[in-house]
């Protein structure tokens, strides 16, 4: 394993990276948010530090709900097509600065209807912003649609159908997000059966609340990727299932510490999962709320575990293998990664 000093931040930033777990509403730059709110006459703190405190979570939140309060204000600003398009474009511009070659941006359409936007209009606005960003910055992107766990099942099924309707124009998968404690995976057995029936790839949030069984249940119900999955550290009996099914774990280090999912580095299961032979990839979760980039996440792993460039390359290839892309698209990105790591 290479020593830490071989991992230079400038080089890590330049190397092509793949991000699969990035929330739209948690990743808008404060400057972009200011532009969006001015057009809607929504008041914002004039002081930059006050604005930052409104949208960036502290390094240590009291719990997951404390972390999630940062989304409340942002969501009130993302209720027009113009705002959603600008937000999506902004995320791609950040990805470009961060050396990201491919990104999947996820959002919950049901959270953007307060001013009368219809669900297809919401998805179209986000996809338009992503496409513009791809054209301007050269970062390939797709979208993932989230159903919110607290919504009625019929409403969540609408999101599944929406993902199917937009499958040819940039929506590549479905996710369940929100309150995992009160709404575990089997609550949505019928919804996920519908997604499987329509051949919609599944990446589900699971194992963020301290329940490893939720991860196993999500996999049993058809998920090929798991958002976070941290609770598996306390339920090693499920590790074999994930290895057998070749499930990808989308880990988000900064976020996991902020929300209190883990308290100490000794508790963080990154090495445990790697040693168990699981496929792991690294993500930001929320670039703004967690005040992070994918470069910063890899540099943290370099500090914590003396991560080497070879190991970074493997984590990136894990992400590419699990990405909801065609084999031809993966082949091109794979060549780009191989070429960049020749040093």
C-alpha atoms as a PDB file:
ATOM      1  CA  UNK A   1       0.000   0.000   0.000  1.00  0.00           C
ATOM      2  CA  UNK A   2       1.342   3.437  -0.963  1.00  0.00           C
ATOM      3  CA  UNK A   3       2.094   5.975   1.733  1.00  0.00           C
ATOM      4  CA  UNK A   4      -0.345   8.839   2.200  1.00  0.00           C
ATOM      5  CA  UNK A   5       1.945  11.499   0.716  1.00  0.00           C
ATOM      6  CA  UNK A   6       1.566   9.869  -2.707  1.00  0.00           C
ATOM      7  CA  UNK A   7      -2.099  10.912  -2.731  1.00  0.00           C
ATOM      8  CA  UNK A   8      -1.956  14.519  -3.870  1.00  0.00           C
ATOM      9  CA  UNK A   9      -5.230  16.436  -3.776  1.00  0.00           C
ATOM     10  CA  UNK A  10      -4.624  18.165  -7.110  1.00  0.00           C
ATOM     11  CA  UNK A  11      -4.011  14.837  -8.826  1.00  0.00           C
ATOM     12  CA  UNK A  12      -6.980  13.165  -7.121  1.00  0.00           C
ATOM     13  CA  UNK A  13      -9.154  16.011  -8.391  1.00  0.00           C
ATOM     14  CA  UNK A  14      -7.939  15.536 -11.965  1.00  0.00           C
ATOM     15  CA  UNK A  15      -8.396  11.756 -12.066  1.00  0.00           C
ATOM     16  CA  UNK A  16     -11.722  10.632 -13.606  1.00  0.00           C
ATOM     17  CA  UNK A  17     -14.224   9.647 -10.943  1.00  0.00           C
ATOM     18  CA  UNK A  18     -17.724   8.132 -10.913  1.00  0.00           C
ATOM     19  CA  UNK A  19     -20.414   9.359  -8.515  1.00  0.00           C
ATOM     20  CA  UNK A  20     -23.604   7.366  -8.028  1.00  0.00           C
ATOM     21  CA  UNK A  21     -25.082   8.825  -4.830  1.00  0.00           C
ATOM     22  CA  UNK A  22     -25.650  12.576  -5.080  1.00  0.00           C
ATOM     23  CA  UNK A  23     -28.874  14.335  -4.063  1.00  0.00           C
ATOM     24  CA  UNK A  24     -29.924  17.301  -6.170  1.00  0.00           C
ATOM     25  CA  UNK A  25     -31.507  19.304  -3.344  1.00  0.00           C
ATOM     26  CA  UNK A  26     -28.497  18.779  -1.077  1.00  0.00           C
ATOM     27  CA  UNK A  27     -25.925  19.833  -3.637  1.00  0.00           C
ATOM     28  CA  UNK A  28     -26.801  23.354  -4.829  1.00  0.00           C
ATOM     29  CA  UNK A  29     -24.091  25.955  -4.334  1.00  0.00           C
ATOM     30  CA  UNK A  30     -25.154  28.865  -2.104  1.00  0.00           C
ATOM     31  CA  UNK A  31     -24.349  31.287  -4.951  1.00  0.00           C
ATOM     32  CA  UNK A  32     -26.708  29.413  -7.280  1.00  0.00           C
ATOM     33  CA  UNK A  33     -29.339  29.293  -4.559  1.00  0.00           C
ATOM     34  CA  UNK A  34     -29.061  33.064  -4.239  1.00  0.00           C
ATOM     35  CA  UNK A  35     -29.680  33.489  -7.981  1.00  0.00           C
ATOM     36  CA  UNK A  36     -32.659  31.115  -7.847  1.00  0.00           C
ATOM     37  CA  UNK A  37     -34.247  32.898  -4.882  1.00  0.00           C
ATOM     38  CA  UNK A  38     -33.761  36.384  -6.349  1.00  0.00           C
ATOM     39  CA  UNK A  39     -35.803  35.385  -9.394  1.00  0.00           C
ATOM     40  CA  UNK A  40     -38.599  34.192  -7.092  1.00  0.00           C
ATOM     41  CA  UNK A  41     -38.387  37.070  -4.585  1.00  0.00           C
ATOM     42  CA  UNK A  42     -37.580  34.635  -1.774  1.00  0.00           C
ATOM     43  CA  UNK A  43     -35.618  36.410   0.978  1.00  0.00           C
ATOM     44  CA  UNK A  44     -32.170  35.088   1.840  1.00  0.00           C
ATOM     45  CA  UNK A  45     -29.670  36.207   4.478  1.00  0.00           C
ATOM     46  CA  UNK A  46     -27.386  38.849   2.939  1.00  0.00           C
ATOM     47  CA  UNK A  47     -24.452  37.643   4.998  1.00  0.00           C
ATOM     48  CA  UNK A  48     -22.647  34.764   3.271  1.00  0.00           C
ATOM     49  CA  UNK A  49     -21.845  33.012   6.546  1.00  0.00           C
ATOM     50  CA  UNK A  50     -25.499  33.158   7.621  1.00  0.00           C
ATOM     51  CA  UNK A  51     -26.523  31.690   4.279  1.00  0.00           C
ATOM     52  CA  UNK A  52     -23.972  28.923   4.645  1.00  0.00           C
ATOM     53  CA  UNK A  53     -25.303  28.045   8.097  1.00  0.00           C
ATOM     54  CA  UNK A  54     -28.772  27.769   6.577  1.00  0.00           C
ATOM     55  CA  UNK A  55     -27.788  25.170   3.983  1.00  0.00           C
ATOM     56  CA  UNK A  56     -24.618  23.478   5.317  1.00  0.00           C
ATOM     57  CA  UNK A  57     -24.938  21.008   8.187  1.00  0.00           C
ATOM     58  CA  UNK A  58     -22.477  21.145  11.100  1.00  0.00           C
ATOM     59  CA  UNK A  59     -19.660  18.615  11.209  1.00  0.00           C
ATOM     60  CA  UNK A  60     -21.530  16.752  13.920  1.00  0.00           C
ATOM     61  CA  UNK A  61     -25.332  16.864  13.877  1.00  0.00           C
ATOM     62  CA  UNK A  62     -27.405  15.641  16.806  1.00  0.00           C
ATOM     63  CA  UNK A  63     -28.955  12.989  14.518  1.00  0.00           C
ATOM     64  CA  UNK A  64     -30.126  12.325  10.957  1.00  0.00           C
ATOM     65  CA  UNK A  65     -33.171  14.588  11.379  1.00  0.00           C
ATOM     66  CA  UNK A  66     -30.929  17.494  12.413  1.00  0.00           C
ATOM     67  CA  UNK A  67     -28.941  16.942   9.208  1.00  0.00           C
ATOM     68  CA  UNK A  68     -32.123  16.789   7.105  1.00  0.00           C
ATOM     69  CA  UNK A  69     -33.429  20.163   8.332  1.00  0.00           C
ATOM     70  CA  UNK A  70     -30.955  21.804   5.903  1.00  0.00           C
ATOM     71  CA  UNK A  71     -33.151  20.565   3.057  1.00  0.00           C
ATOM     72  CA  UNK A  72     -36.321  22.299   4.252  1.00  0.00           C
ATOM     73  CA  UNK A  73     -35.470  25.787   3.036  1.00  0.00           C
ATOM     74  CA  UNK A  74     -33.807  24.617  -0.176  1.00  0.00           C
ATOM     75  CA  UNK A  75     -36.896  22.652  -1.192  1.00  0.00           C
ATOM     76  CA  UNK A  76     -39.077  25.769  -0.916  1.00  0.00           C
ATOM     77  CA  UNK A  77     -36.812  27.324  -3.579  1.00  0.00           C
ATOM     78  CA  UNK A  78     -37.039  24.381  -5.988  1.00  0.00           C
ATOM     79  CA  UNK A  79     -40.691  24.662  -6.972  1.00  0.00           C
ATOM     80  CA  UNK A  80     -40.321  26.078 -10.498  1.00  0.00           C
ATOM     81  CA  UNK A  81     -39.004  24.478 -13.686  1.00  0.00           C
ATOM     82  CA  UNK A  82     -36.414  27.242 -14.051  1.00  0.00           C
ATOM     83  CA  UNK A  83     -35.085  26.654 -10.530  1.00  0.00           C
ATOM     84  CA  UNK A  84     -34.868  22.882 -11.004  1.00  0.00           C
ATOM     85  CA  UNK A  85     -33.076  23.289 -14.319  1.00  0.00           C
ATOM     86  CA  UNK A  86     -30.586  25.730 -12.768  1.00  0.00           C
ATOM     87  CA  UNK A  87     -29.983  23.403  -9.810  1.00  0.00           C
ATOM     88  CA  UNK A  88     -29.278  20.404 -12.047  1.00  0.00           C
ATOM     89  CA  UNK A  89     -26.929  22.456 -14.237  1.00  0.00           C
ATOM     90  CA  UNK A  90     -25.111  23.669 -11.127  1.00  0.00           C
ATOM     91  CA  UNK A  91     -24.474  20.121  -9.897  1.00  0.00           C
ATOM     92  CA  UNK A  92     -22.919  19.179 -13.234  1.00  0.00           C
ATOM     93  CA  UNK A  93     -20.687  22.265 -13.163  1.00  0.00           C
ATOM     94  CA  UNK A  94     -19.469  21.180  -9.717  1.00  0.00           C
ATOM     95  CA  UNK A  95     -18.912  17.633 -10.945  1.00  0.00           C
ATOM     96  CA  UNK A  96     -16.746  18.997 -13.763  1.00  0.00           C
ATOM     97  CA  UNK A  97     -14.562  20.956 -11.323  1.00  0.00           C
ATOM     98  CA  UNK A  98     -14.292  17.769  -9.240  1.00  0.00           C
ATOM     99  CA  UNK A  99     -13.033  15.577 -12.082  1.00  0.00           C
ATOM    100  CA  UNK A 100     -16.219  13.506 -12.219  1.00  0.00           C
ATOM    101  CA  UNK A 101     -16.600  11.695 -15.554  1.00  0.00           C
ATOM    102  CA  UNK A 102     -20.074  10.297 -14.860  1.00  0.00           C
ATOM    103  CA  UNK A 103     -22.684  11.147 -12.228  1.00  0.00           C
ATOM    104  CA  UNK A 104     -26.157   9.922 -11.322  1.00  0.00           C
ATOM    105  CA  UNK A 105     -28.173  12.699  -9.675  1.00  0.00           C
ATOM    106  CA  UNK A 106     -31.158  11.663  -7.566  1.00  0.00           C
ATOM    107  CA  UNK A 107     -34.232  13.619  -6.521  1.00  0.00           C
ATOM    108  CA  UNK A 108     -37.823  13.072  -5.372  1.00  0.00           C
ATOM    109  CA  UNK A 109     -40.303  14.583  -7.887  1.00  0.00           C
ATOM    110  CA  UNK A 110     -43.110  14.602  -5.290  1.00  0.00           C
ATOM    111  CA  UNK A 111     -41.214  17.256  -3.289  1.00  0.00           C
ATOM    112  CA  UNK A 112     -41.384  19.844  -6.067  1.00  0.00           C
ATOM    113  CA  UNK A 113     -45.145  20.194  -6.654  1.00  0.00           C
ATOM    114  CA  UNK A 114     -45.994  23.006  -4.192  1.00  0.00           C
ATOM    115  CA  UNK A 115     -46.428  25.658  -6.905  1.00  0.00           C
ATOM    116  CA  UNK A 116     -48.388  23.471  -9.280  1.00  0.00           C
ATOM    117  CA  UNK A 117     -45.686  21.763 -11.331  1.00  0.00           C
ATOM    118  CA  UNK A 118     -46.803  18.386 -12.646  1.00  0.00           C
ATOM    119  CA  UNK A 119     -44.533  15.394 -12.129  1.00  0.00           C
ATOM    120  CA  UNK A 120     -43.469  15.075 -15.799  1.00  0.00           C
ATOM    121  CA  UNK A 121     -42.635  18.809 -15.883  1.00  0.00           C
ATOM    122  CA  UNK A 122     -40.404  18.372 -12.826  1.00  0.00           C
ATOM    123  CA  UNK A 123     -38.466  15.479 -14.361  1.00  0.00           C
ATOM    124  CA  UNK A 124     -38.168  17.284 -17.703  1.00  0.00           C
ATOM    125  CA  UNK A 125     -36.735  20.393 -15.995  1.00  0.00           C
ATOM    126  CA  UNK A 126     -34.060  18.402 -14.156  1.00  0.00           C
ATOM    127  CA  UNK A 127     -33.133  16.379 -17.236  1.00  0.00           C
ATOM    128  CA  UNK A 128     -32.854  19.604 -19.265  1.00  0.00           C
ATOM    129  CA  UNK A 129     -30.421  21.050 -16.709  1.00  0.00           C
ATOM    130  CA  UNK A 130     -28.373  17.842 -16.651  1.00  0.00           C
ATOM    131  CA  UNK A 131     -28.220  17.749 -20.445  1.00  0.00           C
ATOM    132  CA  UNK A 132     -27.142  21.394 -20.671  1.00  0.00           C
ATOM    133  CA  UNK A 133     -24.447  20.692 -18.106  1.00  0.00           C
ATOM    134  CA  UNK A 134     -23.267  17.671 -20.071  1.00  0.00           C
ATOM    135  CA  UNK A 135     -23.030  19.758 -23.258  1.00  0.00           C
ATOM    136  CA  UNK A 136     -21.175  22.621 -21.560  1.00  0.00           C
ATOM    137  CA  UNK A 137     -18.862  20.680 -19.236  1.00  0.00           C
ATOM    138  CA  UNK A 138     -18.505  17.236 -20.823  1.00  0.00           C
ATOM    139  CA  UNK A 139     -19.696  15.359 -17.732  1.00  0.00           C
ATOM    140  CA  UNK A 140     -21.998  12.475 -18.624  1.00  0.00           C
ATOM    141  CA  UNK A 141     -25.025  12.276 -16.320  1.00  0.00           C
ATOM    142  CA  UNK A 142     -28.312  10.514 -15.685  1.00  0.00           C
ATOM    143  CA  UNK A 143     -31.086  10.871 -13.113  1.00  0.00           C
ATOM    144  CA  UNK A 144     -32.506   8.594 -10.428  1.00  0.00           C
ATOM    145  CA  UNK A 145     -36.062   9.173  -9.166  1.00  0.00           C
ATOM    146  CA  UNK A 146     -36.762   8.784  -5.434  1.00  0.00           C
ATOM    147  CA  UNK A 147     -40.030   7.779  -3.854  1.00  0.00           C
ATOM    148  CA  UNK A 148     -40.408   9.262  -0.370  1.00  0.00           C
ATOM    149  CA  UNK A 149     -41.132   6.575   2.198  1.00  0.00           C
ATOM    150  CA  UNK A 150     -43.741   8.651   4.054  1.00  0.00           C
ATOM    151  CA  UNK A 151     -45.858   9.152   0.907  1.00  0.00           C
ATOM    152  CA  UNK A 152     -48.895   7.022   0.099  1.00  0.00           C
ATOM    153  CA  UNK A 153     -48.089   3.847  -1.829  1.00  0.00           C
ATOM    154  CA  UNK A 154     -50.163   5.017  -4.801  1.00  0.00           C
ATOM    155  CA  UNK A 155     -48.094   8.204  -4.973  1.00  0.00           C
ATOM    156  CA  UNK A 156     -44.846   6.234  -4.893  1.00  0.00           C
ATOM    157  CA  UNK A 157     -46.109   3.943  -7.664  1.00  0.00           C
ATOM    158  CA  UNK A 158     -46.601   7.078  -9.790  1.00  0.00           C
ATOM    159  CA  UNK A 159     -42.878   7.786  -9.408  1.00  0.00           C
ATOM    160  CA  UNK A 160     -42.060   4.237 -10.543  1.00  0.00           C
ATOM    161  CA  UNK A 161     -44.213   4.749 -13.662  1.00  0.00           C
ATOM    162  CA  UNK A 162     -42.542   8.118 -14.168  1.00  0.00           C
ATOM    163  CA  UNK A 163     -39.120   6.451 -14.127  1.00  0.00           C
ATOM    164  CA  UNK A 164     -40.388   4.036 -16.776  1.00  0.00           C
ATOM    165  CA  UNK A 165     -41.831   6.850 -18.910  1.00  0.00           C
ATOM    166  CA  UNK A 166     -38.500   8.714 -18.936  1.00  0.00           C
ATOM    167  CA  UNK A 167     -36.244   5.662 -19.306  1.00  0.00           C
ATOM    168  CA  UNK A 168     -35.202   6.664 -22.836  1.00  0.00           C
ATOM    169  CA  UNK A 169     -34.406  10.277 -21.954  1.00  0.00           C
ATOM    170  CA  UNK A 170     -32.150  10.118 -18.920  1.00  0.00           C
ATOM    171  CA  UNK A 171     -33.859   8.425 -15.953  1.00  0.00           C
ATOM    172  CA  UNK A 172     -31.992   5.211 -15.215  1.00  0.00           C
ATOM    173  CA  UNK A 173     -33.280   3.969 -11.864  1.00  0.00           C
ATOM    174  CA  UNK A 174     -35.526   4.214  -8.795  1.00  0.00           C
ATOM    175  CA  UNK A 175     -34.732   4.797  -5.126  1.00  0.00           C
ATOM    176  CA  UNK A 176     -36.574   4.893  -1.814  1.00  0.00           C
ATOM    177  CA  UNK A 177     -35.508   7.733   0.489  1.00  0.00           C
ATOM    178  CA  UNK A 178     -36.686   9.179   3.789  1.00  0.00           C
ATOM    179  CA  UNK A 179     -37.746   7.667   7.106  1.00  0.00           C
ATOM    180  CA  UNK A 180     -36.255   4.183   7.108  1.00  0.00           C
ATOM    181  CA  UNK A 181     -37.073   3.491  10.778  1.00  0.00           C
ATOM    182  CA  UNK A 182     -40.864   3.668  10.377  1.00  0.00           C
ATOM    183  CA  UNK A 183     -40.959   2.500   6.751  1.00  0.00           C
ATOM    184  CA  UNK A 184     -38.614  -0.498   6.256  1.00  0.00           C
ATOM    185  CA  UNK A 185     -38.201  -2.172   2.847  1.00  0.00           C
ATOM    186  CA  UNK A 186     -41.014  -4.723   3.031  1.00  0.00           C
ATOM    187  CA  UNK A 187     -43.492  -1.857   3.474  1.00  0.00           C
ATOM    188  CA  UNK A 188     -42.896  -1.316  -0.251  1.00  0.00           C
ATOM    189  CA  UNK A 189     -42.968  -4.904  -1.484  1.00  0.00           C
ATOM    190  CA  UNK A 190     -45.647  -4.149  -4.105  1.00  0.00           C
ATOM    191  CA  UNK A 191     -43.954  -0.925  -5.242  1.00  0.00           C
ATOM    192  CA  UNK A 192     -40.614  -2.670  -5.729  1.00  0.00           C
ATOM    193  CA  UNK A 193     -42.309  -5.614  -7.474  1.00  0.00           C
ATOM    194  CA  UNK A 194     -43.743  -3.079  -9.940  1.00  0.00           C
ATOM    195  CA  UNK A 195     -40.276  -1.598 -10.523  1.00  0.00           C
ATOM    196  CA  UNK A 196     -38.846  -5.067 -11.119  1.00  0.00           C
ATOM    197  CA  UNK A 197     -41.718  -5.897 -13.474  1.00  0.00           C
ATOM    198  CA  UNK A 198     -40.950  -2.742 -15.482  1.00  0.00           C
ATOM    199  CA  UNK A 199     -37.205  -3.577 -15.471  1.00  0.00           C
ATOM    200  CA  UNK A 200     -36.277  -0.396 -13.593  1.00  0.00           C
ATOM    201  CA  UNK A 201     -32.922  -0.748 -11.794  1.00  0.00           C
ATOM    202  CA  UNK A 202     -33.107  -0.260  -8.017  1.00  0.00           C
ATOM    203  CA  UNK A 203     -30.697   1.552  -5.710  1.00  0.00           C
ATOM    204  CA  UNK A 204     -32.287   1.820  -2.273  1.00  0.00           C
ATOM    205  CA  UNK A 205     -31.334   3.751   0.854  1.00  0.00           C
ATOM    206  CA  UNK A 206     -30.925   1.133   3.585  1.00  0.00           C
ATOM    207  CA  UNK A 207     -28.901   0.530   6.720  1.00  0.00           C
ATOM    208  CA  UNK A 208     -28.625   4.170   7.730  1.00  0.00           C
ATOM    209  CA  UNK A 209     -30.776   3.705  10.822  1.00  0.00           C
ATOM    210  CA  UNK A 210     -28.893   0.926  12.578  1.00  0.00           C
ATOM    211  CA  UNK A 211     -30.821  -1.971  11.039  1.00  0.00           C
ATOM    212  CA  UNK A 212     -28.719  -4.285   8.891  1.00  0.00           C
ATOM    213  CA  UNK A 213     -31.732  -6.459   8.111  1.00  0.00           C
ATOM    214  CA  UNK A 214     -33.111  -3.566   6.049  1.00  0.00           C
ATOM    215  CA  UNK A 215     -30.113  -3.909   3.738  1.00  0.00           C
ATOM    216  CA  UNK A 216     -30.658  -7.643   3.282  1.00  0.00           C
ATOM    217  CA  UNK A 217     -34.387  -7.094   2.724  1.00  0.00           C
ATOM    218  CA  UNK A 218     -33.714  -4.373   0.130  1.00  0.00           C
ATOM    219  CA  UNK A 219     -31.452  -6.784  -1.760  1.00  0.00           C
ATOM    220  CA  UNK A 220     -34.022  -9.583  -1.532  1.00  0.00           C
ATOM    221  CA  UNK A 221     -36.594  -7.173  -2.993  1.00  0.00           C
ATOM    222  CA  UNK A 222     -34.394  -6.472  -6.009  1.00  0.00           C
ATOM    223  CA  UNK A 223     -31.888  -3.716  -5.159  1.00  0.00           C
ATOM    224  CA  UNK A 224     -28.557  -4.108  -6.963  1.00  0.00           C
ATOM    225  CA  UNK A 225     -27.126  -1.091  -5.126  1.00  0.00           C
ATOM    226  CA  UNK A 226     -27.533   0.100  -1.555  1.00  0.00           C
ATOM    227  CA  UNK A 227     -27.287   3.702  -0.394  1.00  0.00           C
ATOM    228  CA  UNK A 228     -25.032   3.755   2.692  1.00  0.00           C
ATOM    229  CA  UNK A 229     -25.570   0.244   4.160  1.00  0.00           C
ATOM    230  CA  UNK A 230     -23.545   1.173   7.256  1.00  0.00           C
ATOM    231  CA  UNK A 231     -25.639  -0.963   9.641  1.00  0.00           C
ATOM    232  CA  UNK A 232     -24.230  -4.093   8.002  1.00  0.00           C
ATOM    233  CA  UNK A 233     -21.245  -3.627  10.299  1.00  0.00           C
ATOM    234  CA  UNK A 234     -23.358  -4.978  13.173  1.00  0.00           C
ATOM    235  CA  UNK A 235     -25.002  -7.778  11.156  1.00  0.00           C
ATOM    236  CA  UNK A 236     -22.130  -9.619   9.465  1.00  0.00           C
ATOM    237  CA  UNK A 237     -24.447 -12.557   8.777  1.00  0.00           C
ATOM    238  CA  UNK A 238     -25.778 -10.614   5.775  1.00  0.00           C
ATOM    239  CA  UNK A 239     -22.410  -9.870   4.167  1.00  0.00           C
ATOM    240  CA  UNK A 240     -22.369 -13.167   2.243  1.00  0.00           C
ATOM    241  CA  UNK A 241     -25.712 -12.312   0.611  1.00  0.00           C
ATOM    242  CA  UNK A 242     -24.379  -8.993  -0.714  1.00  0.00           C
ATOM    243  CA  UNK A 243     -21.192 -10.625  -1.958  1.00  0.00           C
ATOM    244  CA  UNK A 244     -23.124 -13.407  -3.670  1.00  0.00           C
ATOM    245  CA  UNK A 245     -25.507 -10.955  -5.363  1.00  0.00           C
ATOM    246  CA  UNK A 246     -22.628  -8.577  -6.262  1.00  0.00           C
ATOM    247  CA  UNK A 247     -24.454  -5.673  -4.649  1.00  0.00           C
ATOM    248  CA  UNK A 248     -22.673  -2.316  -4.706  1.00  0.00           C
ATOM    249  CA  UNK A 249     -22.519  -0.286  -1.496  1.00  0.00           C
ATOM    250  CA  UNK A 250     -22.656   3.475  -2.094  1.00  0.00           C
ATOM    251  CA  UNK A 251     -20.686   4.786   0.879  1.00  0.00           C
ATOM    252  CA  UNK A 252     -20.694   8.491   1.792  1.00  0.00           C
ATOM    253  CA  UNK A 253     -18.031   9.001   4.506  1.00  0.00           C
ATOM    254  CA  UNK A 254     -18.539  12.672   5.490  1.00  0.00           C
ATOM    255  CA  UNK A 255     -22.319  12.330   5.591  1.00  0.00           C
ATOM    256  CA  UNK A 256     -22.175   9.144   7.670  1.00  0.00           C
ATOM    257  CA  UNK A 257     -20.189  10.896  10.402  1.00  0.00           C
ATOM    258  CA  UNK A 258     -22.305  14.075  10.271  1.00  0.00           C
ATOM    259  CA  UNK A 259     -25.573  12.224  10.783  1.00  0.00           C
ATOM    260  CA  UNK A 260     -24.184  10.197  13.671  1.00  0.00           C
ATOM    261  CA  UNK A 261     -24.582   6.904  11.796  1.00  0.00           C
ATOM    262  CA  UNK A 262     -21.087   6.270  13.148  1.00  0.00           C
ATOM    263  CA  UNK A 263     -19.376   8.211  15.924  1.00  0.00           C
ATOM    264  CA  UNK A 264     -15.732   7.184  15.606  1.00  0.00           C
ATOM    265  CA  UNK A 265     -13.376   6.103  12.849  1.00  0.00           C
ATOM    266  CA  UNK A 266     -12.979   2.730  14.561  1.00  0.00           C
ATOM    267  CA  UNK A 267     -16.708   2.169  13.981  1.00  0.00           C
ATOM    268  CA  UNK A 268     -16.593   3.040  10.287  1.00  0.00           C
ATOM    269  CA  UNK A 269     -16.953  -0.220   8.313  1.00  0.00           C
ATOM    270  CA  UNK A 270     -15.110   0.720   5.106  1.00  0.00           C
ATOM    271  CA  UNK A 271     -12.250  -1.719   5.694  1.00  0.00           C
ATOM    272  CA  UNK A 272     -14.595  -4.364   7.102  1.00  0.00           C
ATOM    273  CA  UNK A 273     -16.630  -4.288   3.890  1.00  0.00           C
ATOM    274  CA  UNK A 274     -13.536  -4.353   1.664  1.00  0.00           C
ATOM    275  CA  UNK A 275     -12.045  -7.280   3.577  1.00  0.00           C
ATOM    276  CA  UNK A 276     -15.373  -9.138   3.294  1.00  0.00           C
ATOM    277  CA  UNK A 277     -15.063  -8.886  -0.485  1.00  0.00           C
ATOM    278  CA  UNK A 278     -17.962  -6.464  -0.962  1.00  0.00           C
ATOM    279  CA  UNK A 279     -18.076  -3.991  -3.826  1.00  0.00           C
ATOM    280  CA  UNK A 280     -17.840  -0.464  -2.411  1.00  0.00           C
ATOM    281  CA  UNK A 281     -17.849   2.943  -4.096  1.00  0.00           C
ATOM    282  CA  UNK A 282     -17.377   6.446  -2.669  1.00  0.00           C
ATOM    283  CA  UNK A 283     -19.824   9.341  -2.981  1.00  0.00           C
ATOM    284  CA  UNK A 284     -20.617  12.808  -1.621  1.00  0.00           C
ATOM    285  CA  UNK A 285     -24.309  12.236  -0.764  1.00  0.00           C
ATOM    286  CA  UNK A 286     -24.914  16.009  -0.547  1.00  0.00           C
ATOM    287  CA  UNK A 287     -22.183  18.282  -1.824  1.00  0.00           C
ATOM    288  CA  UNK A 288     -23.513  21.428  -0.139  1.00  0.00           C
ATOM    289  CA  UNK A 289     -25.151  20.069   3.018  1.00  0.00           C
ATOM    290  CA  UNK A 290     -21.987  18.063   3.745  1.00  0.00           C
ATOM    291  CA  UNK A 291     -19.668  20.787   2.373  1.00  0.00           C
ATOM    292  CA  UNK A 292     -17.733  18.211   0.384  1.00  0.00           C
ATOM    293  CA  UNK A 293     -16.551  17.015  -3.013  1.00  0.00           C
ATOM    294  CA  UNK A 294     -15.644  13.562  -4.264  1.00  0.00           C
ATOM    295  CA  UNK A 295     -12.001  14.674  -4.180  1.00  0.00           C
ATOM    296  CA  UNK A 296     -12.357  15.518  -0.470  1.00  0.00           C
ATOM    297  CA  UNK A 297     -13.968  12.127   0.212  1.00  0.00           C
ATOM    298  CA  UNK A 298     -11.039  10.275  -1.372  1.00  0.00           C
ATOM    299  CA  UNK A 299      -8.548  12.455   0.501  1.00  0.00           C
ATOM    300  CA  UNK A 300     -10.279  11.530   3.773  1.00  0.00           C
ATOM    301  CA  UNK A 301      -9.815   7.856   2.929  1.00  0.00           C
ATOM    302  CA  UNK A 302      -6.156   8.587   2.162  1.00  0.00           C
ATOM    303  CA  UNK A 303      -5.786  10.122   5.624  1.00  0.00           C
ATOM    304  CA  UNK A 304      -7.780   7.451   7.454  1.00  0.00           C
ATOM    305  CA  UNK A 305      -6.604   4.314   5.635  1.00  0.00           C
ATOM    306  CA  UNK A 306      -3.529   5.380   3.614  1.00  0.00           C
ATOM    307  CA  UNK A 307      -5.555   4.770   0.455  1.00  0.00           C
ATOM    308  CA  UNK A 308      -3.408   4.293  -2.662  1.00  0.00           C
ATOM    309  CA  UNK A 309      -4.096   5.355  -6.246  1.00  0.00           C
ATOM    310  CA  UNK A 310      -4.582   1.689  -7.169  1.00  0.00           C
ATOM    311  CA  UNK A 311      -7.229   1.374  -4.481  1.00  0.00           C
ATOM    312  CA  UNK A 312      -8.877   4.605  -5.623  1.00  0.00           C
ATOM    313  CA  UNK A 313      -8.944   3.210  -9.158  1.00  0.00           C
ATOM    314  CA  UNK A 314     -10.605   0.010  -7.898  1.00  0.00           C
ATOM    315  CA  UNK A 315     -13.274   1.963  -6.002  1.00  0.00           C
ATOM    316  CA  UNK A 316     -13.910   3.981  -9.172  1.00  0.00           C
ATOM    317  CA  UNK A 317     -14.180   0.811 -11.246  1.00  0.00           C
ATOM    318  CA  UNK A 318     -16.594  -0.628  -8.670  1.00  0.00           C
ATOM    319  CA  UNK A 319     -18.778   2.442  -9.199  1.00  0.00           C
ATOM    320  CA  UNK A 320     -18.594   2.077 -12.962  1.00  0.00           C
ATOM    321  CA  UNK A 321     -19.498  -1.619 -12.795  1.00  0.00           C
ATOM    322  CA  UNK A 322     -22.584  -0.769 -10.718  1.00  0.00           C
ATOM    323  CA  UNK A 323     -23.607   2.298 -12.740  1.00  0.00           C
ATOM    324  CA  UNK A 324     -26.913   2.123 -14.586  1.00  0.00           C
ATOM    325  CA  UNK A 325     -25.281   2.480 -18.001  1.00  0.00           C
ATOM    326  CA  UNK A 326     -25.149   0.419 -21.188  1.00  0.00           C
ATOM    327  CA  UNK A 327     -22.147  -1.895 -21.740  1.00  0.00           C
ATOM    328  CA  UNK A 328     -20.895   0.370 -24.556  1.00  0.00           C
ATOM    329  CA  UNK A 329     -21.002   3.457 -22.310  1.00  0.00           C
ATOM    330  CA  UNK A 330     -19.192   1.574 -19.562  1.00  0.00           C
ATOM    331  CA  UNK A 331     -16.520   0.425 -21.999  1.00  0.00           C
ATOM    332  CA  UNK A 332     -15.712   4.008 -23.019  1.00  0.00           C
ATOM    333  CA  UNK A 333     -15.527   5.195 -19.407  1.00  0.00           C
ATOM    334  CA  UNK A 334     -13.441   2.172 -18.460  1.00  0.00           C
ATOM    335  CA  UNK A 335     -10.896   3.080 -21.143  1.00  0.00           C
ATOM    336  CA  UNK A 336     -10.817   6.664 -19.870  1.00  0.00           C
ATOM    337  CA  UNK A 337     -10.130   5.472 -16.314  1.00  0.00           C
ATOM    338  CA  UNK A 338      -7.402   3.028 -17.405  1.00  0.00           C
ATOM    339  CA  UNK A 339      -5.664   5.694 -19.458  1.00  0.00           C
ATOM    340  CA  UNK A 340      -5.750   8.292 -16.655  1.00  0.00           C
ATOM    341  CA  UNK A 341      -4.178   5.962 -14.101  1.00  0.00           C
ATOM    342  CA  UNK A 342      -1.100   5.219 -16.241  1.00  0.00           C
ATOM    343  CA  UNK A 343       1.510   7.022 -14.117  1.00  0.00           C
END
